[in-house]
Every structure is written in structure tokens, then in C-alpha cells.
Amino acid sequence: MKATPLSNCERRFLLRAIEERKRLDGRQCYDYRNVRISFGVDYGCCIVELGKTRVLAQVSCELVPPKANRPTEGILFFNLELSPMAAPGFEPGRQTELLVRVNRLIERCLRNSKCIDTESLCVVAGEKVWQIRLDLHLLNHDGNIVDAASIAGIVALCHFRRPDVSVQGEEVTVYTPEERDPVPLSIHHMPICVSFAFFHQGTYLLVDPSEREERVMDGVLVIAMNKHQEICTIQSSGGIMLVKDQVLRCSKITAVKVAEMTELIQKALENDQKARKEGGKFGFAESIPNQKITAFKMESAAVDTNNLEEQAEEIITKADPPAEVFTNPILHTPGTAQIGEGIENSWGELEESEREEVVEEEDESEAAGFEDQKMETEETSTVEKTKNEPIVLSDSEEEEVVILEPQEPPKRTRTQTSSKQENTSKKTFNKRRRKKRAAY
């Protein structure tokens, strides 16, 4: 992970605060951050929040052939994924040193401690066993990934239910949850990791370090323990030398923290199981805090409908007389008018640019109207002239053409002249066609 390095000023500030037994989030040296556990709709799915560090755990299973050296034991598989969504320093598809170290620590904590009875996962010896797969996804990184991942892993395994099976001869039948209730895993104990950060070569000690405290620490000690005070695994990294008293002090603190964490996990599992049996609300969506905008509600009240006319008359007599009303419209600006009490129009007067546009539009409309009137007068004059003069149409074949004129003068000269020309052209065309047919 390539995180942005801290400046010398920030580093000195953090170390000085640790020397004075102060932390940025207000905790004491041996205090743990708040732990919140929420379950999904399916069995074996949970989210653990350790402060702002969030880890999603999902358990799945399938029937596979067993290993050759252990034909009567099931298979456990663990996988941790550090996605760029959790922190920008994580790169997808790359096995970083942090990822390898946390993966190995989780495997030693859950597999090597024999917390799960693998022999109970055997269906047919040497042929079929259950393979339990635990996938851990880091959703947000704010320090102490190991503790959050170990808590999420053990909670998901305790919450998981595998399908029930039956064996008749060589036939294996897997039942759905509707046919038979799923079977929980056989878990002997719950190992939980607790991390300790050391500063100034082991002089100062902090429990559950945050992301900024991890950047300036000299080393870290991780102890996995169950509530019976049995140490499942222990790991030290960072190149610091620890004396026996420091390790013993850390183990005593771990015993107290693990007892508190185990009680919290058992209580969360019991509440979820109770909600599922009673048919209550459960799942991630239901565990989100309810933040709604609500309104005050008023109770329905009865309405008295007696003596309505008398009450209406009293209200009218007590009311003030209406103000004077202007019946005539008030013209504020060209194109606008208001009928009412004479208050100024809320739209206001037109701006100068709008006034200029209105004036230009009026001028253009007047000019267009004047031109149309002029064209009409010219056309009417030409029609009158053509009325007085005889109309002579010449034809190449020198035939007489009779033109019928209407008795009443036309109202629209344009349409009338065009209709006359169309009639004469049609008649001449028909006569030409007749002569051509006769010639043939």
C-alpha cells in the first residue's frame, strides 16, 4: 500500500500527543473503538464496523472431493480482498505485503486454532465433503484491519447455515431451506485478534491503533485469544524488541477485550436469530439508522354544522367594507393593462430594449400593411383597364374564341384573373387535341 507520507510536522505532533497519553479521537491508551455488527438477509453475511474501518464477510459452501491425505475432513478456504474503494493506496489484483500478512494471520487464527470442527463437514468419507469459503472485503480503511477482519470472519462463520443432506447408499440428497432447516457449523470456540502498537521502541503502548497512528508506530503485536484465555496465535512485526513483561501485559489486556467482544458477538447473534423467528425486520437495510423528515399530526376534531347561516351573517357584519374598485382598465405601458384596485403591475414596466423591439415591430407591421394596400390598388386598377378594353387572343390556327364574362364584378381580382386564363387555356388545348385526332 502506497499511502501519502506524513509530513515531519504531523509526525512530531502525533508522537508528542502519544507521549502525553492523548489520542486524536479522544480515547485512552487501552480503549477500543466502538464495534457495530449488522447482518444481511442471507445466512453467513455480515458487516463489522470498528470505528470507521468496515469489513464485509460472506460465507459460502459447496460439495467437493476431500483432500487425499484427509479423506474425512472438510476444507476451509479464506480470502481477503483490499479494494481501492477502501483506500486509494490499494491496487486491485496485486498481492501486497500487507495483504499477504493479514491473510496468513487470519488463516492461523481460524484454521490452525481448530475453532471449526472439520470432521463434521464430511458427507461421504473419501468422496464428498463440504468446502467452506470465507470471503472478506475491506470496505473502508481507518486502521487495524486485522482485528476487524478477525471479528467479521468469526461472526460470519457463527451466523452461517449449510444445507441439510441425507445419504442413502451412494446417493446424496441436498435439501433446500424450504424442505429442511439449514444446519449451523460446529464451532468450538471464537478466537479474536487484538492489536497493540508500540512507539519509541516499546516505551509507549496503544490498543486498536488508527490509520494515522499506524503510520508513525515502530512495531505492532497481534494476539489471538478466545474467552477461555487460550492464546491461538501471536505475531510481532516491525523489528522491535519486546521484553517478557510487555508481552504479559498485552496478554492480560487481550483477555479483557476478548471477553467483552465475545459477549457482544453472542448478543448480536441472539438478537438476529430472535428477529428471524418472530418475523421482524432484519438485514442491512433495516439496520441503517432511520432518518426521516416527519410532520406533526393533529387529531381529527368534530365540526359543528348547526346555525351556519347565523354565524355567516355575524362574520359578514363584523368584516370591514370592501375597498374601492376601479372598473376601468389602467394602461401602464403599451400592450399591458390591469383591472383591479389600481396597484402597479407586478411585472413592472418594459425595459428600454423591450420598448425598442415593440416600436420596431409596430413600424414593420405598418409598413407591411401599407405595401399590401398599395399592391391591391394597383391590381384593381389594371383589372379596370382590362375591362374597358376588348380582349383579343390570337391562335396559330386562326379560330374564333368566345370568352364569357361574369355579370357581377369579382371581389378578389387576383383569383378571378387567374381563373379566366385557366379557362381559356383549357378550351384552346381541347380544340387542338380534337383537330389532331381528326387529322389522324
Protein backbone atom coordinates (compact mmCIF):
# COMPACT_ATOMS: atom_id res chain seq x y z
CA MET A 1 0.00 0.00 0.00
CA LYS A 2 1.40 3.34 -1.06
CA ALA A 3 -0.18 5.89 1.25
CA THR A 4 0.61 9.57 1.22
CA PRO A 5 3.51 10.09 3.65
CA LEU A 6 3.05 12.26 6.69
CA SER A 7 4.98 15.49 6.96
CA ASN A 8 7.56 15.95 9.70
CA CYS A 9 5.26 18.39 11.48
CA GLU A 10 2.39 15.87 11.56
CA ARG A 11 4.70 13.10 12.69
CA ARG A 12 6.09 15.18 15.56
CA PHE A 13 2.58 16.24 16.56
CA LEU A 14 1.32 12.62 16.75
CA LEU A 15 4.35 11.39 18.69
CA ARG A 16 4.11 14.31 21.11
CA ALA A 17 0.41 13.54 21.72
CA ILE A 18 1.21 9.85 22.36
CA GLU A 19 3.90 10.84 24.87
CA GLU A 20 1.30 12.90 26.70
CA ARG A 21 -1.13 9.92 26.71
CA LYS A 22 -3.54 11.64 24.30
CA ARG A 23 -5.13 10.34 21.10
CA LEU A 24 -6.73 12.19 18.20
CA ASP A 25 -10.17 10.59 18.68
CA GLY A 26 -10.23 11.22 22.43
CA ARG A 27 -9.70 7.61 23.53
CA GLN A 28 -7.46 6.42 26.32
CA CYS A 29 -4.41 4.28 25.58
CA TYR A 30 -6.17 0.96 26.27
CA ASP A 31 -9.60 1.85 24.85
CA TYR A 32 -11.15 0.08 21.89
CA ARG A 33 -13.21 1.83 19.27
CA ASN A 34 -16.95 1.18 19.06
CA VAL A 35 -17.84 -2.12 17.38
CA ARG A 36 -21.07 -2.44 15.40
CA ILE A 37 -22.29 -5.71 13.88
CA SER A 38 -25.06 -5.91 11.27
CA PHE A 39 -26.27 -8.98 9.40
CA GLY A 40 -27.52 -9.45 5.87
CA VAL A 41 -30.66 -11.17 4.68
CA ASP A 42 -28.83 -14.42 3.91
CA TYR A 43 -27.09 -16.54 6.49
CA GLY A 44 -23.34 -16.02 6.74
CA CYS A 45 -23.32 -12.39 5.59
CA CYS A 46 -22.36 -9.58 7.96
CA ILE A 47 -20.65 -6.19 8.18
CA VAL A 48 -18.42 -5.29 11.12
CA GLU A 49 -17.59 -1.66 11.81
CA LEU A 50 -14.59 -0.96 14.04
CA GLY A 51 -14.75 2.79 14.28
CA LYS A 52 -14.63 3.86 10.64
CA THR A 53 -12.99 0.62 9.47
CA ARG A 54 -15.61 -1.56 7.78
CA VAL A 55 -15.27 -5.19 6.67
CA LEU A 56 -17.84 -7.27 4.79
CA ALA A 57 -17.77 -11.04 5.36
CA GLN A 58 -19.60 -13.64 3.27
CA VAL A 59 -19.55 -17.42 3.83
CA SER A 60 -20.48 -19.94 1.13
CA CYS A 61 -20.28 -23.72 0.79
CA GLU A 62 -20.24 -26.47 -1.85
CA LEU A 63 -19.75 -30.23 -2.05
CA VAL A 64 -16.26 -31.19 -3.31
CA PRO A 65 -13.98 -34.25 -3.13
CA PRO A 66 -11.79 -34.25 0.01
CA LYS A 67 -8.03 -33.97 0.13
CA ALA A 68 -6.15 -37.23 -0.33
CA ASN A 69 -4.33 -37.03 3.00
CA ARG A 70 -7.52 -36.10 4.93
CA PRO A 71 -10.46 -38.02 3.43
CA THR A 72 -12.80 -37.48 6.41
CA GLU A 73 -12.32 -33.74 6.94
CA GLY A 74 -13.91 -30.77 5.26
CA ILE A 75 -11.99 -27.95 3.60
CA LEU A 76 -11.71 -24.36 4.85
CA PHE A 77 -10.74 -21.56 2.47
CA PHE A 78 -10.12 -17.93 3.45
CA ASN A 79 -9.71 -14.95 1.14
CA LEU A 80 -9.20 -11.27 1.98
CA GLU A 81 -9.56 -8.54 -0.64
CA LEU A 82 -8.26 -4.98 -0.30
CA SER A 83 -10.04 -2.93 -2.94
CA PRO A 84 -9.29 0.68 -3.97
CA MET A 85 -12.73 1.55 -2.63
CA ALA A 86 -11.38 1.19 0.91
CA ALA A 87 -8.32 3.40 0.39
CA PRO A 88 -6.76 4.98 -2.72
CA GLY A 89 -3.41 3.37 -1.92
CA PHE A 90 -4.69 -0.18 -2.55
CA GLU A 91 -4.18 -1.55 -6.07
CA PRO A 92 -6.59 -4.16 -7.48
CA GLY A 93 -5.25 -7.59 -8.40
CA ARG A 94 -1.90 -7.12 -6.66
CA GLN A 95 -0.62 -9.17 -3.73
CA THR A 96 0.85 -6.53 -1.45
CA GLU A 97 2.86 -7.29 1.65
CA LEU A 98 0.02 -6.11 3.88
CA LEU A 99 -2.49 -8.38 2.13
CA VAL A 100 -0.27 -11.47 2.43
CA ARG A 101 0.46 -10.79 6.10
CA VAL A 102 -3.20 -10.30 7.04
CA ASN A 103 -4.30 -13.36 5.04
CA ARG A 104 -1.82 -15.62 6.80
CA LEU A 105 -2.75 -14.22 10.18
CA ILE A 106 -6.47 -14.85 9.59
CA GLU A 107 -5.75 -18.42 8.46
CA ARG A 108 -3.69 -19.16 11.56
CA CYS A 109 -6.34 -17.59 13.77
CA LEU A 110 -9.31 -19.52 12.33
CA ARG A 111 -7.90 -22.69 10.77
CA ASN A 112 -4.87 -23.62 12.87
CA SER A 113 -6.72 -22.92 16.12
CA LYS A 114 -9.24 -25.66 15.20
CA CYS A 115 -12.16 -23.43 16.02
CA ILE A 116 -14.31 -25.25 13.42
CA ASP A 117 -14.90 -28.99 13.57
CA THR A 118 -13.83 -30.04 10.06
CA GLU A 119 -14.84 -33.69 10.59
CA SER A 120 -18.49 -32.63 10.90
CA LEU A 121 -18.23 -31.31 7.32
CA CYS A 122 -17.73 -34.82 5.90
CA VAL A 123 -20.69 -36.24 3.96
CA VAL A 124 -19.21 -39.43 2.40
CA ALA A 125 -15.70 -40.37 3.52
CA GLY A 126 -13.26 -40.09 0.65
CA GLU A 127 -15.91 -38.92 -1.82
CA LYS A 128 -17.79 -35.78 -0.77
CA VAL A 129 -17.16 -33.16 1.90
CA TRP A 130 -18.27 -29.58 2.45
CA GLN A 131 -15.88 -26.82 1.40
CA ILE A 132 -16.47 -23.69 3.49
CA ARG A 133 -15.26 -20.48 1.84
CA LEU A 134 -14.91 -17.22 3.78
CA ASP A 135 -14.54 -14.04 1.68
CA LEU A 136 -13.57 -10.83 3.45
CA HIS A 137 -13.84 -7.45 1.68
CA LEU A 138 -12.41 -4.29 3.19
CA LEU A 139 -14.94 -1.52 2.54
CA ASN A 140 -13.22 1.34 4.37
CA HIS A 141 -9.73 1.55 5.84
CA ASP A 142 -9.15 3.55 9.00
CA GLY A 143 -6.58 1.35 10.71
CA ASN A 144 -6.44 -2.05 12.44
CA ILE A 145 -7.60 -4.24 9.55
CA VAL A 146 -6.56 -7.42 11.36
CA ASP A 147 -8.95 -7.02 14.30
CA ALA A 148 -11.88 -6.00 12.13
CA ALA A 149 -11.31 -8.91 9.70
CA SER A 150 -11.00 -11.49 12.51
CA ILE A 151 -14.21 -10.31 14.17
CA ALA A 152 -16.09 -10.28 10.85
CA GLY A 153 -14.80 -13.77 9.96
CA ILE A 154 -15.80 -15.47 13.20
CA VAL A 155 -19.19 -13.70 13.26
CA ALA A 156 -19.97 -14.79 9.69
CA LEU A 157 -18.97 -18.41 10.46
CA CYS A 158 -21.19 -18.47 13.56
CA HIS A 159 -24.07 -16.98 11.62
CA PHE A 160 -23.75 -19.31 8.61
CA ARG A 161 -26.10 -22.26 7.98
CA ARG A 162 -25.27 -25.00 5.48
CA PRO A 163 -27.97 -27.05 3.71
CA ASP A 164 -29.01 -30.32 5.30
CA VAL A 165 -28.10 -33.55 3.45
CA SER A 166 -29.06 -37.19 3.61
CA VAL A 167 -27.17 -40.25 2.31
CA GLN A 168 -28.91 -43.39 1.07
CA GLY A 169 -26.36 -45.86 -0.26
CA GLU A 170 -24.32 -43.92 -2.80
CA GLU A 171 -27.00 -41.26 -3.40
CA VAL A 172 -26.55 -37.90 -1.65
CA THR A 173 -29.60 -35.62 -1.37
CA VAL A 174 -29.18 -31.92 -0.63
CA TYR A 175 -32.33 -30.28 0.78
CA THR A 176 -33.41 -26.70 0.22
CA PRO A 177 -34.17 -24.39 3.17
CA GLU A 178 -37.89 -24.82 2.46
CA GLU A 179 -37.67 -28.60 2.76
CA ARG A 180 -35.41 -28.76 5.82
CA ASP A 181 -33.92 -26.18 8.12
CA PRO A 182 -30.26 -25.39 7.40
CA VAL A 183 -27.64 -26.73 9.81
CA PRO A 184 -25.17 -24.42 11.63
CA LEU A 185 -21.45 -25.11 11.67
CA SER A 186 -19.89 -26.86 14.64
CA ILE A 187 -17.72 -24.15 16.26
CA HIS A 188 -15.70 -25.00 19.38
CA HIS A 189 -14.53 -21.51 20.35
CA MET A 190 -14.26 -17.99 18.93
CA PRO A 191 -10.69 -16.66 18.54
CA ILE A 192 -10.44 -12.86 18.24
CA CYS A 193 -7.35 -10.80 17.39
CA VAL A 194 -6.28 -7.76 19.39
CA SER A 195 -3.56 -5.44 18.02
CA PHE A 196 -1.08 -3.36 20.04
CA ALA A 197 1.00 -0.53 18.56
CA PHE A 198 4.39 0.39 20.11
CA PHE A 199 6.15 3.75 19.94
CA HIS A 200 9.65 4.87 20.91
CA GLN A 201 10.97 1.27 20.84
CA GLY A 202 8.27 -0.16 23.07
CA THR A 203 8.12 2.68 25.61
CA TYR A 204 4.52 3.65 24.80
CA LEU A 205 1.67 1.26 24.02
CA LEU A 206 -1.69 1.80 22.30
CA VAL A 207 -4.59 -0.62 21.75
CA ASP A 208 -6.50 -0.63 18.44
CA PRO A 209 -4.33 1.87 16.50
CA SER A 210 -5.97 4.11 13.93
CA GLU A 211 -4.68 4.67 10.40
CA ARG A 212 -2.58 7.73 11.30
CA GLU A 213 -1.17 6.05 14.38
CA GLU A 214 -0.11 3.07 12.26
CA ARG A 215 1.99 5.36 10.08
CA VAL A 216 4.16 6.56 12.95
CA MET A 217 4.35 3.35 15.04
CA ASP A 218 7.61 1.41 15.38
CA GLY A 219 6.02 -2.05 15.56
CA VAL A 220 2.83 -3.99 16.19
CA LEU A 221 1.96 -7.05 18.27
CA VAL A 222 -1.14 -9.14 17.42
CA ILE A 223 -2.52 -11.69 19.89
CA ALA A 224 -5.44 -14.01 19.02
CA MET A 225 -7.24 -15.39 22.06
CA ASN A 226 -10.61 -16.90 22.98
CA LYS A 227 -12.75 -16.22 26.03
CA HIS A 228 -11.13 -19.16 27.85
CA GLN A 229 -7.87 -17.14 27.81
CA GLU A 230 -6.24 -19.60 25.42
CA ILE A 231 -3.76 -17.96 23.04
CA CYS A 232 -4.46 -19.17 19.49
CA THR A 233 -1.71 -17.25 17.70
CA ILE A 234 0.71 -14.40 18.33
CA GLN A 235 2.67 -12.34 15.85
CA SER A 236 5.08 -9.42 16.17
CA SER A 237 6.21 -7.27 13.23
CA GLY A 238 8.16 -4.06 12.80
CA GLY A 239 11.57 -5.11 14.12
CA ILE A 240 11.10 -4.04 17.75
CA MET A 241 12.46 -5.93 20.77
CA LEU A 242 9.84 -6.70 23.40
CA VAL A 243 10.57 -7.89 26.91
CA LYS A 244 8.59 -10.55 28.75
CA ASP A 245 6.72 -8.06 30.93
CA GLN A 246 5.38 -6.20 27.91
CA VAL A 247 4.05 -9.41 26.32
CA LEU A 248 2.40 -10.47 29.58
CA ARG A 249 0.80 -7.07 29.99
CA CYS A 250 -0.56 -7.26 26.41
CA SER A 251 -1.94 -10.77 27.03
CA LYS A 252 -3.84 -9.56 30.12
CA ILE A 253 -5.35 -6.67 28.17
CA THR A 254 -6.27 -9.10 25.38
CA ALA A 255 -8.14 -11.38 27.78
CA VAL A 256 -10.33 -8.49 28.92
CA LYS A 257 -11.02 -7.21 25.40
CA VAL A 258 -11.79 -10.70 24.03
CA ALA A 259 -14.29 -11.39 26.82
CA GLU A 260 -16.12 -8.13 26.03
CA MET A 261 -16.05 -8.82 22.30
CA THR A 262 -17.34 -12.40 22.69
CA GLU A 263 -20.27 -11.21 24.77
CA LEU A 264 -21.09 -8.58 22.13
CA ILE A 265 -20.97 -11.15 19.32
CA GLN A 266 -23.20 -13.63 21.16
CA LYS A 267 -25.73 -10.91 21.93
CA ALA A 268 -25.82 -9.79 18.28
CA LEU A 269 -26.34 -13.38 17.10
CA GLU A 270 -29.15 -13.94 19.58
CA ASN A 271 -30.92 -10.72 18.55
CA ASP A 272 -30.72 -11.63 14.87
CA GLN A 273 -31.97 -15.17 15.47
CA LYS A 274 -34.85 -13.83 17.56
CA ALA A 275 -35.82 -11.31 14.86
CA ARG A 276 -35.83 -14.03 12.18
CA LYS A 277 -38.02 -16.35 14.26
CA GLU A 278 -40.52 -13.63 15.11
CA GLY A 279 -40.62 -12.41 11.52
CA GLY A 280 -39.33 -8.98 12.42
CA LYS A 281 -37.08 -6.67 10.47
CA PHE A 282 -33.53 -7.77 9.78
CA GLY A 283 -30.84 -7.16 7.15
CA PHE A 284 -28.57 -4.29 6.15
CA ALA A 285 -31.41 -2.01 5.06
CA GLU A 286 -33.17 -2.38 8.40
CA SER A 287 -30.00 -1.79 10.41
CA ILE A 288 -29.44 1.66 8.88
CA PRO A 289 -30.49 4.43 11.29
CA ASN A 290 -33.92 5.75 10.44
CA GLN A 291 -33.59 9.41 9.42
CA LYS A 292 -36.89 10.79 8.18
CA ILE A 293 -38.47 14.21 7.90
CA THR A 294 -41.75 13.92 9.80
CA ALA A 295 -44.63 16.34 10.37
CA PHE A 296 -46.81 16.90 13.40
CA LYS A 297 -50.12 15.08 13.32
CA MET A 298 -53.37 16.57 14.62
CA GLU A 299 -56.26 14.54 15.88
CA SER A 300 -59.50 14.75 13.94
CA ALA A 301 -62.00 17.16 15.53
CA ALA A 302 -65.76 17.29 15.07
CA VAL A 303 -67.17 20.26 13.13
CA ASP A 304 -70.36 21.92 14.37
CA THR A 305 -72.71 22.48 11.41
CA ASN A 306 -75.60 23.99 13.39
CA ASN A 307 -76.69 27.65 12.85
CA LEU A 308 -74.33 28.13 9.91
CA GLU A 309 -76.42 30.95 8.37
CA GLU A 310 -76.43 32.99 11.60
CA GLN A 311 -72.68 32.57 12.02
CA ALA A 312 -72.07 33.61 8.41
CA GLU A 313 -74.18 36.79 8.85
CA GLU A 314 -72.26 37.71 12.00
CA ILE A 315 -68.93 37.27 10.20
CA ILE A 316 -70.13 39.45 7.30
CA THR A 317 -71.35 42.23 9.58
CA LYS A 318 -68.10 42.27 11.55
CA ALA A 319 -65.93 42.28 8.41
CA ASP A 320 -64.56 45.55 7.01
CA PRO A 321 -66.25 47.03 3.95
CA PRO A 322 -64.54 46.30 0.63
CA ALA A 323 -62.18 48.89 -0.80
CA GLU A 324 -62.97 50.96 -3.87
CA VAL A 325 -62.57 49.08 -7.12
CA PHE A 326 -61.57 50.68 -10.39
CA THR A 327 -63.72 49.27 -13.15
CA ASN A 328 -61.83 50.93 -15.96
CA PRO A 329 -58.60 49.28 -17.10
CA ILE A 330 -55.37 51.04 -16.25
CA LEU A 331 -52.80 51.21 -19.04
CA HIS A 332 -49.24 51.18 -17.62
CA THR A 333 -47.25 50.53 -20.78
CA PRO A 334 -48.16 49.79 -24.38
CA GLY A 335 -49.55 46.28 -24.69
CA THR A 336 -50.31 45.83 -20.96
CA ALA A 337 -53.39 46.62 -18.90
CA GLN A 338 -54.68 45.92 -15.39
CA ILE A 339 -58.17 45.76 -13.98
CA GLY A 340 -58.38 45.93 -10.19
CA GLU A 341 -57.52 48.16 -7.29
CA GLY A 342 -55.03 50.20 -9.25
CA ILE A 343 -51.87 48.63 -7.82
CA GLU A 344 -48.84 48.67 -10.07
CA ASN A 345 -48.37 45.61 -12.21
CA SER A 346 -46.00 43.09 -10.63
CA TRP A 347 -44.30 42.59 -13.97
CA GLY A 348 -43.13 46.21 -13.96
CA GLU A 349 -42.65 48.40 -16.96
CA LEU A 350 -40.90 47.23 -20.04
CA GLU A 351 -37.19 47.78 -20.27
CA GLU A 352 -35.67 50.05 -22.90
CA SER A 353 -34.57 47.15 -25.11
CA GLU A 354 -38.06 45.65 -24.98
CA ARG A 355 -39.60 49.03 -25.79
CA GLU A 356 -37.38 49.41 -28.84
CA GLU A 357 -38.35 45.93 -30.03
CA VAL A 358 -42.07 46.75 -29.64
CA VAL A 359 -41.69 50.02 -31.58
CA GLU A 360 -39.76 48.29 -34.38
CA GLU A 361 -42.41 45.56 -34.64
CA GLU A 362 -45.18 48.19 -34.88
CA ASP A 363 -43.30 50.09 -37.61
CA GLU A 364 -42.71 46.91 -39.58
CA SER A 365 -46.37 45.90 -39.33
CA GLU A 366 -47.49 49.37 -40.52
CA ALA A 367 -45.05 49.29 -43.47
CA ALA A 368 -46.18 45.80 -44.45
CA GLY A 369 -49.83 46.85 -44.31
CA PHE A 370 -49.14 49.93 -46.46
CA GLU A 371 -47.35 47.82 -49.12
CA ASP A 372 -50.22 45.28 -49.25
CA GLN A 373 -52.75 48.12 -49.67
CA LYS A 374 -50.68 49.63 -52.46
CA MET A 375 -50.42 46.32 -54.34
CA GLU A 376 -54.16 45.78 -54.10
CA THR A 377 -54.91 49.25 -55.54
CA GLU A 378 -52.53 48.64 -58.43
CA GLU A 379 -54.10 45.29 -59.23
CA THR A 380 -57.63 46.69 -59.13
CA SER A 381 -56.62 49.49 -61.49
CA THR A 382 -55.14 47.05 -64.00
CA VAL A 383 -58.31 44.95 -63.87
CA GLU A 384 -60.48 48.00 -64.54
CA LYS A 385 -58.37 48.90 -67.55
CA THR A 386 -58.68 45.42 -68.97
CA LYS A 387 -62.46 45.57 -68.55
CA ASN A 388 -62.82 48.63 -70.78
CA GLU A 389 -60.52 47.36 -73.50
CA PRO A 390 -61.51 44.38 -75.70
CA ILE A 391 -59.64 41.16 -75.03
CA VAL A 392 -58.07 39.59 -78.14
CA LEU A 393 -56.44 36.20 -78.03
CA SER A 394 -54.53 35.02 -81.08
CA ASP A 395 -54.28 31.39 -82.10
CA SER A 396 -51.88 29.82 -84.54
CA GLU A 397 -54.74 28.03 -86.32
CA GLU A 398 -56.86 31.23 -86.55
CA GLU A 399 -60.00 30.04 -84.81
CA GLU A 400 -62.60 32.08 -83.08
CA VAL A 401 -62.52 32.08 -79.28
CA VAL A 402 -65.58 33.03 -77.24
CA ILE A 403 -64.92 34.43 -73.78
CA LEU A 404 -67.73 34.59 -71.26
CA GLU A 405 -67.52 37.44 -68.80
CA PRO A 406 -69.32 37.39 -65.43
CA GLN A 407 -72.11 39.87 -64.87
CA GLU A 408 -71.05 40.89 -61.36
CA PRO A 409 -67.58 42.33 -60.81
CA PRO A 410 -65.24 39.98 -58.91
CA LYS A 411 -64.45 40.72 -55.28
CA ARG A 412 -60.90 39.40 -55.43
CA THR A 413 -59.16 40.40 -58.61
CA ARG A 414 -56.21 38.03 -58.23
CA THR A 415 -58.17 34.83 -58.09
CA GLN A 416 -60.62 35.95 -60.81
CA THR A 417 -58.00 36.81 -63.44
CA SER A 418 -56.16 33.59 -62.85
CA SER A 419 -59.38 31.54 -63.23
CA LYS A 420 -60.17 33.25 -66.57
CA GLN A 421 -56.78 32.47 -68.01
CA GLU A 422 -57.08 28.87 -66.88
CA ASN A 423 -60.48 28.50 -68.65
CA THR A 424 -59.21 29.93 -71.94
CA SER A 425 -56.08 27.80 -71.93
CA LYS A 426 -58.14 24.65 -71.26
CA LYS A 427 -60.51 25.39 -74.18
CA THR A 428 -57.70 26.01 -76.66
CA PHE A 429 -55.92 22.87 -75.57
CA ASN A 430 -59.06 20.75 -76.01
CA LYS A 431 -59.66 22.13 -79.52
CA ARG A 432 -56.08 21.34 -80.54
CA ARG A 433 -56.43 17.76 -79.37
CA ARG A 434 -59.68 17.32 -81.37
CA LYS A 435 -58.09 18.59 -84.61
CA LYS A 436 -55.08 16.36 -84.20
CA ARG A 437 -57.32 13.30 -83.74
CA ALA A 438 -59.33 14.25 -86.84
CA ALA A 439 -56.12 14.59 -88.88
CA TYR A 440 -55.05 11.09 -87.90
